[in-house]
Amino acid sequence: MASCYVCGKRKVVGHNVSHANNKTKRYFYPNLQRMKILTQKGPKRVFVCTRCLRSKVVTKVL
């Protein structure tokens, strides 16, 4: 699983908890989008989370 190029967000582990309090493992995945962004060395194709996109931390290359 990839992580966000900007903030490093990746999947985290938790539990599914039933009414009988049985616990099974589950994963919480961030909303990652693969896109071309502008870096100091030029355009680069990376995974970026939608939170970083919405807050305008990265600039997209069209």
N, C-alpha and C. Protein backbone atom coordinates (compact mmCIF):
# COMPACT_ATOMS: atom_id res chain seq x y z
N MET A 1 0.84 -1.18 0.00
CA MET A 1 0.00 0.00 0.00
C MET A 1 0.89 1.24 0.00
N ALA A 2 0.54 2.20 -0.81
CA ALA A 2 1.31 3.43 -0.90
C ALA A 2 0.94 4.36 0.25
N SER A 3 1.73 5.42 0.37
CA SER A 3 1.42 6.45 1.37
C SER A 3 1.42 7.80 0.68
N CYS A 4 0.86 8.80 1.35
CA CYS A 4 0.77 10.14 0.79
C CYS A 4 2.18 10.73 0.68
N TYR A 5 2.46 11.34 -0.46
CA TYR A 5 3.77 11.93 -0.72
C TYR A 5 4.03 13.12 0.21
N VAL A 6 2.99 13.84 0.59
CA VAL A 6 3.13 15.06 1.38
C VAL A 6 3.14 14.76 2.88
N CYS A 7 2.08 14.13 3.38
CA CYS A 7 1.93 13.98 4.83
C CYS A 7 2.28 12.58 5.34
N GLY A 8 2.48 11.60 4.43
CA GLY A 8 2.88 10.26 4.85
C GLY A 8 1.74 9.41 5.39
N LYS A 9 0.51 9.83 5.15
CA LYS A 9 -0.65 9.08 5.63
C LYS A 9 -0.71 7.73 4.94
N ARG A 10 -0.95 6.65 5.72
CA ARG A 10 -1.06 5.31 5.17
C ARG A 10 -2.13 4.53 5.92
N LYS A 11 -2.30 3.25 5.59
CA LYS A 11 -3.36 2.49 6.24
C LYS A 11 -3.04 2.28 7.71
N VAL A 12 -4.09 2.25 8.55
CA VAL A 12 -3.94 1.99 9.97
C VAL A 12 -4.81 0.79 10.32
N VAL A 13 -4.44 0.09 11.39
CA VAL A 13 -5.12 -1.13 11.79
C VAL A 13 -6.07 -0.85 12.94
N GLY A 14 -7.25 -1.46 12.88
CA GLY A 14 -8.22 -1.35 13.95
C GLY A 14 -8.95 -2.67 14.10
N HIS A 15 -10.12 -2.62 14.72
CA HIS A 15 -10.91 -3.83 14.93
C HIS A 15 -12.34 -3.63 14.48
N ASN A 16 -12.93 -4.69 13.90
CA ASN A 16 -14.37 -4.79 13.78
C ASN A 16 -14.85 -5.35 15.12
N VAL A 17 -15.79 -4.69 15.75
CA VAL A 17 -16.28 -5.14 17.04
C VAL A 17 -17.75 -5.50 16.90
N SER A 18 -18.08 -6.76 17.18
CA SER A 18 -19.46 -7.21 17.07
C SER A 18 -20.23 -6.87 18.34
N HIS A 19 -21.52 -7.11 18.31
CA HIS A 19 -22.36 -6.87 19.48
C HIS A 19 -21.93 -7.74 20.66
N ALA A 20 -21.40 -8.94 20.34
CA ALA A 20 -20.91 -9.85 21.38
C ALA A 20 -19.47 -9.51 21.79
N ASN A 21 -18.96 -8.37 21.33
CA ASN A 21 -17.62 -7.87 21.64
C ASN A 21 -16.51 -8.77 21.09
N ASN A 22 -16.82 -9.51 19.98
CA ASN A 22 -15.77 -10.23 19.28
C ASN A 22 -15.01 -9.24 18.42
N LYS A 23 -13.69 -9.37 18.40
CA LYS A 23 -12.88 -8.42 17.65
C LYS A 23 -12.12 -9.13 16.54
N THR A 24 -12.22 -8.61 15.33
CA THR A 24 -11.45 -9.09 14.19
C THR A 24 -10.73 -7.89 13.59
N LYS A 25 -9.55 -8.15 13.01
CA LYS A 25 -8.75 -7.05 12.45
C LYS A 25 -9.41 -6.47 11.21
N ARG A 26 -9.24 -5.17 11.02
CA ARG A 26 -9.67 -4.48 9.81
C ARG A 26 -8.71 -3.33 9.56
N TYR A 27 -8.77 -2.77 8.36
CA TYR A 27 -7.88 -1.69 7.97
C TYR A 27 -8.68 -0.45 7.61
N PHE A 28 -8.14 0.70 7.92
CA PHE A 28 -8.69 1.98 7.52
C PHE A 28 -7.74 2.56 6.48
N TYR A 29 -8.23 2.72 5.25
CA TYR A 29 -7.39 3.20 4.16
C TYR A 29 -7.64 4.68 3.91
N PRO A 30 -6.57 5.47 3.68
CA PRO A 30 -6.76 6.87 3.31
C PRO A 30 -7.19 6.97 1.84
N ASN A 31 -7.80 8.07 1.50
CA ASN A 31 -8.25 8.30 0.13
C ASN A 31 -7.08 8.86 -0.67
N LEU A 32 -6.31 7.97 -1.29
CA LEU A 32 -5.12 8.37 -2.06
C LEU A 32 -5.45 8.42 -3.54
N GLN A 33 -4.96 9.45 -4.21
CA GLN A 33 -5.13 9.62 -5.64
C GLN A 33 -3.76 9.69 -6.27
N ARG A 34 -3.59 8.98 -7.39
CA ARG A 34 -2.31 9.02 -8.10
C ARG A 34 -2.38 10.14 -9.12
N MET A 35 -1.50 11.11 -9.00
CA MET A 35 -1.54 12.24 -9.90
C MET A 35 -0.18 12.85 -10.10
N LYS A 36 -0.08 13.66 -11.13
CA LYS A 36 1.16 14.34 -11.46
C LYS A 36 1.17 15.69 -10.76
N ILE A 37 2.20 15.92 -9.93
CA ILE A 37 2.31 17.18 -9.21
C ILE A 37 3.63 17.85 -9.56
N LEU A 38 3.73 19.12 -9.23
CA LEU A 38 4.93 19.89 -9.51
C LEU A 38 5.81 19.91 -8.28
N THR A 39 7.04 19.39 -8.41
CA THR A 39 8.01 19.41 -7.32
C THR A 39 9.15 20.36 -7.70
N GLN A 40 10.11 20.51 -6.81
CA GLN A 40 11.23 21.39 -7.09
C GLN A 40 12.09 20.88 -8.24
N LYS A 41 12.13 19.56 -8.42
CA LYS A 41 12.92 18.96 -9.50
C LYS A 41 12.13 18.82 -10.79
N GLY A 42 10.85 19.18 -10.77
CA GLY A 42 10.02 19.08 -11.96
C GLY A 42 8.77 18.26 -11.68
N PRO A 43 7.99 17.96 -12.72
CA PRO A 43 6.76 17.18 -12.52
C PRO A 43 7.08 15.74 -12.11
N LYS A 44 6.23 15.20 -11.24
CA LYS A 44 6.43 13.85 -10.71
C LYS A 44 5.07 13.22 -10.47
N ARG A 45 4.94 11.91 -10.77
CA ARG A 45 3.68 11.20 -10.55
C ARG A 45 3.76 10.49 -9.20
N VAL A 46 2.90 10.90 -8.26
CA VAL A 46 2.94 10.37 -6.89
C VAL A 46 1.53 10.14 -6.38
N PHE A 47 1.44 9.49 -5.22
CA PHE A 47 0.17 9.33 -4.51
C PHE A 47 0.01 10.49 -3.53
N VAL A 48 -1.15 11.15 -3.57
CA VAL A 48 -1.44 12.27 -2.68
C VAL A 48 -2.82 12.03 -2.09
N CYS A 49 -2.97 12.28 -0.78
CA CYS A 49 -4.28 12.11 -0.15
C CYS A 49 -5.16 13.32 -0.50
N THR A 50 -6.45 13.14 -0.46
CA THR A 50 -7.37 14.19 -0.84
C THR A 50 -7.35 15.35 0.14
N ARG A 51 -6.96 15.12 1.36
CA ARG A 51 -6.84 16.21 2.34
C ARG A 51 -5.75 17.19 1.90
N CYS A 52 -4.62 16.68 1.43
CA CYS A 52 -3.54 17.55 0.95
C CYS A 52 -3.93 18.25 -0.34
N LEU A 53 -4.70 17.58 -1.20
CA LEU A 53 -5.18 18.21 -2.43
C LEU A 53 -6.13 19.35 -2.12
N ARG A 54 -7.03 19.12 -1.20
CA ARG A 54 -8.05 20.13 -0.89
C ARG A 54 -7.45 21.34 -0.21
N SER A 55 -6.40 21.14 0.60
CA SER A 55 -5.79 22.25 1.31
C SER A 55 -4.74 22.97 0.45
N LYS A 56 -4.62 22.56 -0.83
CA LYS A 56 -3.72 23.22 -1.79
C LYS A 56 -2.26 23.17 -1.36
N VAL A 57 -1.84 22.07 -0.73
CA VAL A 57 -0.45 21.89 -0.35
C VAL A 57 0.39 21.56 -1.60
N VAL A 58 -0.21 20.88 -2.56
CA VAL A 58 0.49 20.51 -3.79
C VAL A 58 -0.15 21.25 -4.98
N THR A 59 0.62 21.41 -6.03
CA THR A 59 0.09 22.00 -7.26
C THR A 59 0.06 20.93 -8.34
N LYS A 60 -1.12 20.72 -8.92
CA LYS A 60 -1.29 19.71 -9.94
C LYS A 60 -0.72 20.19 -11.27
N VAL A 61 -0.21 19.26 -12.05
CA VAL A 61 0.24 19.54 -13.41
C VAL A 61 -0.81 18.99 -14.35
N LEU A 62 -1.31 19.82 -15.24
CA LEU A 62 -2.35 19.38 -16.16
C LEU A 62 -1.80 18.93 -17.48
